[in-house]
Amino acid sequence: HNTSMLPHRVASSSLRLVGLCRALSANSLFHQQQTIRCLASGLSATVIPGRGPNFRPTRSPLTLTQAAVDRVKAALAESNGSAKALRIGVRTRGCNGLSYTLDYASEKAAMDETVEQDGVTVYIDRKAQLTLLGTEMDYVKGPLVSEFVFYNPNAKGTCGCGESFNV
């Protein structure tokens, strides 16, 4: 794959996520796919529009791979007990509409959706619930970057600068 680097910022009150966004474009043998990568101190996230022809949404608003479960457990342990869950939200931002946020959470907010899987709790902010519906959260380790990856069937595209995505 050919890669090009794009600036990207994800707002977060307890995790400072300011990083780079990598747009991946496949060669002519594969379909094109655009990826947003948000690098952070210890945690990062990627949003990938769609999941491919074999993706089937689940009844859960969000599912986690075993790698994501393991990383969330480790991240919560690193918070020294101050957080019991990870909260995922969206924020209106950028030229394309929405940007994800990741926060540690010590308690559930009134309208949060709760996803519990394999001993991990993830709260989904009410504003993010429809945009995350059917999304798979993974954690990928690479030689330069280790990050959360969101395979979101609802994301229709991203802006050229990587600030935001639309559904």
C-alpha atoms as a PDB file:
ATOM      1  CA  HIS A   1       0.000   0.000   0.000  1.00  0.00           C
ATOM      2  CA  ASN A   2       1.058   3.569  -0.661  1.00  0.00           C
ATOM      3  CA  THR A   3       0.727   5.906   2.296  1.00  0.00           C
ATOM      4  CA  SER A   4       0.565   9.638   2.703  1.00  0.00           C
ATOM      5  CA  MET A   5       0.555  11.496   6.013  1.00  0.00           C
ATOM      6  CA  LEU A   6      -2.220  13.916   6.912  1.00  0.00           C
ATOM      7  CA  PRO A   7      -2.618  16.033  10.077  1.00  0.00           C
ATOM      8  CA  HIS A   8      -5.371  14.836  12.413  1.00  0.00           C
ATOM      9  CA  ARG A   9      -6.627  15.862  15.829  1.00  0.00           C
ATOM     10  CA  VAL A  10      -9.089  14.054  18.094  1.00  0.00           C
ATOM     11  CA  ALA A  11     -10.407  16.053  21.043  1.00  0.00           C
ATOM     12  CA  SER A  12     -10.434  14.409  24.425  1.00  0.00           C
ATOM     13  CA  SER A  13     -10.679  15.771  27.943  1.00  0.00           C
ATOM     14  CA  SER A  14      -8.630  13.093  29.660  1.00  0.00           C
ATOM     15  CA  LEU A  15      -6.640  11.609  26.796  1.00  0.00           C
ATOM     16  CA  ARG A  16      -4.718  14.085  24.740  1.00  0.00           C
ATOM     17  CA  LEU A  17      -5.062  12.740  21.249  1.00  0.00           C
ATOM     18  CA  VAL A  18      -3.223  14.909  18.800  1.00  0.00           C
ATOM     19  CA  GLY A  19      -1.493  13.119  16.052  1.00  0.00           C
ATOM     20  CA  LEU A  20      -1.213  12.153  12.482  1.00  0.00           C
ATOM     21  CA  CYS A  21      -3.651  10.675  10.098  1.00  0.00           C
ATOM     22  CA  ARG A  22      -2.519   8.190   7.481  1.00  0.00           C
ATOM     23  CA  ALA A  23      -4.525   7.824   4.310  1.00  0.00           C
ATOM     24  CA  LEU A  24      -4.017   4.434   2.757  1.00  0.00           C
ATOM     25  CA  SER A  25      -4.798   3.986  -0.863  1.00  0.00           C
ATOM     26  CA  ALA A  26      -4.651   0.514  -2.272  1.00  0.00           C
ATOM     27  CA  ASN A  27      -3.063  -0.383  -5.578  1.00  0.00           C
ATOM     28  CA  SER A  28      -5.179  -1.176  -8.628  1.00  0.00           C
ATOM     29  CA  LEU A  29      -5.741  -4.783  -7.531  1.00  0.00           C
ATOM     30  CA  PHE A  30      -7.617  -3.743  -4.397  1.00  0.00           C
ATOM     31  CA  HIS A  31     -10.467  -1.324  -3.664  1.00  0.00           C
ATOM     32  CA  GLN A  32      -9.566   2.073  -2.273  1.00  0.00           C
ATOM     33  CA  GLN A  33      -9.876   2.577   1.448  1.00  0.00           C
ATOM     34  CA  GLN A  34      -9.179   5.675   3.483  1.00  0.00           C
ATOM     35  CA  THR A  35      -7.981   5.395   7.059  1.00  0.00           C
ATOM     36  CA  ILE A  36      -7.777   7.960   9.827  1.00  0.00           C
ATOM     37  CA  ARG A  37      -5.103   7.219  12.417  1.00  0.00           C
ATOM     38  CA  CYS A  38      -5.043   9.226  15.612  1.00  0.00           C
ATOM     39  CA  LEU A  39      -1.835   8.849  17.572  1.00  0.00           C
ATOM     40  CA  ALA A  40      -1.818   9.485  21.315  1.00  0.00           C
ATOM     41  CA  SER A  41       0.218   9.040  24.400  1.00  0.00           C
ATOM     42  CA  GLY A  42      -0.432   5.341  24.897  1.00  0.00           C
ATOM     43  CA  LEU A  43      -3.764   5.150  23.031  1.00  0.00           C
ATOM     44  CA  SER A  44      -4.684   5.874  19.456  1.00  0.00           C
ATOM     45  CA  ALA A  45      -7.610   5.212  17.176  1.00  0.00           C
ATOM     46  CA  THR A  46      -8.293   4.695  13.492  1.00  0.00           C
ATOM     47  CA  VAL A  47     -11.598   5.048  11.656  1.00  0.00           C
ATOM     48  CA  ILE A  48     -12.029   3.012   8.482  1.00  0.00           C
ATOM     49  CA  PRO A  49     -15.145   3.567   6.357  1.00  0.00           C
ATOM     50  CA  GLY A  50     -16.903   0.256   5.758  1.00  0.00           C
ATOM     51  CA  ARG A  51     -15.626  -3.224   6.471  1.00  0.00           C
ATOM     52  CA  GLY A  52     -15.748  -4.856   3.096  1.00  0.00           C
ATOM     53  CA  PRO A  53     -18.234  -7.108   1.324  1.00  0.00           C
ATOM     54  CA  ASN A  54     -18.275  -9.790   4.040  1.00  0.00           C
ATOM     55  CA  PHE A  55     -19.033  -7.468   6.965  1.00  0.00           C
ATOM     56  CA  ARG A  56     -22.271  -8.194   8.804  1.00  0.00           C
ATOM     57  CA  PRO A  57     -23.443  -5.731  11.468  1.00  0.00           C
ATOM     58  CA  THR A  58     -24.159  -7.194  14.877  1.00  0.00           C
ATOM     59  CA  ARG A  59     -26.915  -6.394  17.352  1.00  0.00           C
ATOM     60  CA  SER A  60     -24.349  -4.800  19.638  1.00  0.00           C
ATOM     61  CA  PRO A  61     -23.579  -1.153  18.915  1.00  0.00           C
ATOM     62  CA  LEU A  62     -19.876  -1.976  19.189  1.00  0.00           C
ATOM     63  CA  THR A  63     -17.900  -5.208  19.282  1.00  0.00           C
ATOM     64  CA  LEU A  64     -14.296  -5.545  20.377  1.00  0.00           C
ATOM     65  CA  THR A  65     -11.696  -7.964  19.090  1.00  0.00           C
ATOM     66  CA  GLN A  66      -9.616  -9.832  21.663  1.00  0.00           C
ATOM     67  CA  ALA A  67      -6.694  -7.493  20.931  1.00  0.00           C
ATOM     68  CA  ALA A  68      -8.909  -4.461  21.686  1.00  0.00           C
ATOM     69  CA  VAL A  69     -10.186  -6.061  24.899  1.00  0.00           C
ATOM     70  CA  ASP A  70      -6.617  -6.719  26.034  1.00  0.00           C
ATOM     71  CA  ARG A  71      -5.476  -3.147  25.254  1.00  0.00           C
ATOM     72  CA  VAL A  72      -8.484  -1.530  26.962  1.00  0.00           C
ATOM     73  CA  LYS A  73      -7.797  -3.662  30.059  1.00  0.00           C
ATOM     74  CA  ALA A  74      -4.160  -2.546  30.020  1.00  0.00           C
ATOM     75  CA  ALA A  75      -5.103   1.116  29.511  1.00  0.00           C
ATOM     76  CA  LEU A  76      -7.576   1.018  32.394  1.00  0.00           C
ATOM     77  CA  ALA A  77      -4.953  -0.634  34.610  1.00  0.00           C
ATOM     78  CA  GLU A  78      -2.531   2.183  33.702  1.00  0.00           C
ATOM     79  CA  SER A  79      -5.077   4.722  35.008  1.00  0.00           C
ATOM     80  CA  ASN A  80      -4.294   3.475  38.559  1.00  0.00           C
ATOM     81  CA  GLY A  81      -7.921   2.689  39.317  1.00  0.00           C
ATOM     82  CA  SER A  82      -9.232   6.167  38.495  1.00  0.00           C
ATOM     83  CA  ALA A  83     -11.114   4.827  35.448  1.00  0.00           C
ATOM     84  CA  LYS A  84     -13.401   1.850  35.210  1.00  0.00           C
ATOM     85  CA  ALA A  85     -14.348   2.208  31.532  1.00  0.00           C
ATOM     86  CA  LEU A  86     -13.422   3.781  28.225  1.00  0.00           C
ATOM     87  CA  ARG A  87     -15.889   6.346  26.823  1.00  0.00           C
ATOM     88  CA  ILE A  88     -16.198   6.866  23.074  1.00  0.00           C
ATOM     89  CA  GLY A  89     -17.886   9.982  21.752  1.00  0.00           C
ATOM     90  CA  VAL A  90     -18.138  12.193  18.692  1.00  0.00           C
ATOM     91  CA  ARG A  91     -17.734  15.887  18.294  1.00  0.00           C
ATOM     92  CA  THR A  92     -18.833  18.206  15.490  1.00  0.00           C
ATOM     93  CA  ARG A  93     -15.565  19.314  14.032  1.00  0.00           C
ATOM     94  CA  GLY A  94     -13.651  19.832  10.800  1.00  0.00           C
ATOM     95  CA  CYS A  95     -14.916  20.293   7.274  1.00  0.00           C
ATOM     96  CA  ASN A  96     -16.599  16.873   7.018  1.00  0.00           C
ATOM     97  CA  GLY A  97     -18.684  16.860  10.195  1.00  0.00           C
ATOM     98  CA  LEU A  98     -17.619  14.481  12.977  1.00  0.00           C
ATOM     99  CA  SER A  99     -14.510  13.553  14.902  1.00  0.00           C
ATOM    100  CA  TYR A 100     -14.177  10.762  17.502  1.00  0.00           C
ATOM    101  CA  THR A 101     -13.177  11.298  21.110  1.00  0.00           C
ATOM    102  CA  LEU A 102     -11.760   8.733  23.549  1.00  0.00           C
ATOM    103  CA  ASP A 103     -11.843   9.307  27.310  1.00  0.00           C
ATOM    104  CA  TYR A 104     -11.291   7.374  30.482  1.00  0.00           C
ATOM    105  CA  ALA A 105     -14.556   7.177  32.454  1.00  0.00           C
ATOM    106  CA  SER A 106     -15.044   6.719  36.181  1.00  0.00           C
ATOM    107  CA  GLU A 107     -18.827   6.527  35.890  1.00  0.00           C
ATOM    108  CA  LYS A 108     -21.572   6.164  33.299  1.00  0.00           C
ATOM    109  CA  ALA A 109     -23.292   9.332  32.087  1.00  0.00           C
ATOM    110  CA  ALA A 110     -27.096   9.388  32.033  1.00  0.00           C
ATOM    111  CA  MET A 111     -27.586   8.591  28.338  1.00  0.00           C
ATOM    112  CA  ASP A 112     -24.466   6.485  27.683  1.00  0.00           C
ATOM    113  CA  GLU A 113     -24.867   3.097  25.999  1.00  0.00           C
ATOM    114  CA  THR A 114     -22.908   0.406  27.840  1.00  0.00           C
ATOM    115  CA  VAL A 115     -20.986  -2.289  25.997  1.00  0.00           C
ATOM    116  CA  GLU A 116     -19.549  -5.013  28.216  1.00  0.00           C
ATOM    117  CA  GLN A 117     -17.404  -7.656  26.633  1.00  0.00           C
ATOM    118  CA  ASP A 118     -14.896 -10.068  28.174  1.00  0.00           C
ATOM    119  CA  GLY A 119     -14.521  -8.038  31.371  1.00  0.00           C
ATOM    120  CA  VAL A 120     -14.168  -4.665  29.629  1.00  0.00           C
ATOM    121  CA  THR A 121     -16.680  -1.830  29.842  1.00  0.00           C
ATOM    122  CA  VAL A 122     -16.997   0.767  27.091  1.00  0.00           C
ATOM    123  CA  TYR A 123     -19.466   3.635  27.349  1.00  0.00           C
ATOM    124  CA  ILE A 124     -20.756   5.138  24.125  1.00  0.00           C
ATOM    125  CA  ASP A 125     -21.838   8.745  24.433  1.00  0.00           C
ATOM    126  CA  ARG A 126     -25.407   9.329  23.242  1.00  0.00           C
ATOM    127  CA  LYS A 127     -24.235  11.510  20.341  1.00  0.00           C
ATOM    128  CA  ALA A 128     -21.987   8.694  19.064  1.00  0.00           C
ATOM    129  CA  GLN A 129     -24.463   5.826  19.366  1.00  0.00           C
ATOM    130  CA  LEU A 130     -25.881   5.958  15.845  1.00  0.00           C
ATOM    131  CA  THR A 131     -22.524   6.638  14.205  1.00  0.00           C
ATOM    132  CA  LEU A 132     -20.937   3.602  15.910  1.00  0.00           C
ATOM    133  CA  LEU A 133     -23.780   1.135  15.352  1.00  0.00           C
ATOM    134  CA  GLY A 134     -22.310  -2.119  14.024  1.00  0.00           C
ATOM    135  CA  THR A 135     -18.700  -0.968  14.412  1.00  0.00           C
ATOM    136  CA  GLU A 136     -15.873  -3.360  15.261  1.00  0.00           C
ATOM    137  CA  MET A 137     -13.104  -2.007  17.481  1.00  0.00           C
ATOM    138  CA  ASP A 138      -9.688  -3.627  17.052  1.00  0.00           C
ATOM    139  CA  TYR A 139      -6.195  -2.935  18.361  1.00  0.00           C
ATOM    140  CA  VAL A 140      -3.378  -3.258  15.859  1.00  0.00           C
ATOM    141  CA  LYS A 141       0.333  -3.323  16.656  1.00  0.00           C
ATOM    142  CA  GLY A 142       2.697  -2.167  13.951  1.00  0.00           C
ATOM    143  CA  PRO A 143       6.401  -1.411  13.727  1.00  0.00           C
ATOM    144  CA  LEU A 144       5.826   2.350  14.101  1.00  0.00           C
ATOM    145  CA  VAL A 145       2.330   2.690  15.539  1.00  0.00           C
ATOM    146  CA  SER A 146       0.096   0.673  17.825  1.00  0.00           C
ATOM    147  CA  GLU A 147      -3.487   1.899  17.817  1.00  0.00           C
ATOM    148  CA  PHE A 148      -7.183   1.219  18.113  1.00  0.00           C
ATOM    149  CA  VAL A 149      -8.860   0.723  14.742  1.00  0.00           C
ATOM    150  CA  PHE A 150     -12.595   1.263  14.282  1.00  0.00           C
ATOM    151  CA  TYR A 151     -14.113  -0.566  11.313  1.00  0.00           C
ATOM    152  CA  ASN A 152     -17.183   1.598  10.924  1.00  0.00           C
ATOM    153  CA  PRO A 153     -19.780   0.583   8.314  1.00  0.00           C
ATOM    154  CA  ASN A 154     -21.524   3.949   8.802  1.00  0.00           C
ATOM    155  CA  ALA A 155     -18.575   6.182   7.829  1.00  0.00           C
ATOM    156  CA  LYS A 156     -19.118   7.296   4.240  1.00  0.00           C
ATOM    157  CA  GLY A 157     -15.927   9.280   3.892  1.00  0.00           C
ATOM    158  CA  THR A 158     -13.376  11.594   5.422  1.00  0.00           C
ATOM    159  CA  CYS A 159     -12.214  15.086   4.621  1.00  0.00           C
ATOM    160  CA  GLY A 160      -8.934  15.595   2.830  1.00  0.00           C
ATOM    161  CA  CYS A 161      -7.153  16.982   5.879  1.00  0.00           C
ATOM    162  CA  GLY A 162      -8.198  14.085   8.122  1.00  0.00           C
ATOM    163  CA  GLU A 163      -9.929  16.300  10.704  1.00  0.00           C
ATOM    164  CA  SER A 164     -13.304  14.628  10.388  1.00  0.00           C
ATOM    165  CA  PHE A 165     -15.537  12.015   8.791  1.00  0.00           C
ATOM    166  CA  ASN A 166     -19.170  11.846   7.728  1.00  0.00           C
ATOM    167  CA  VAL A 167     -21.910   9.265   8.011  1.00  0.00           C
END
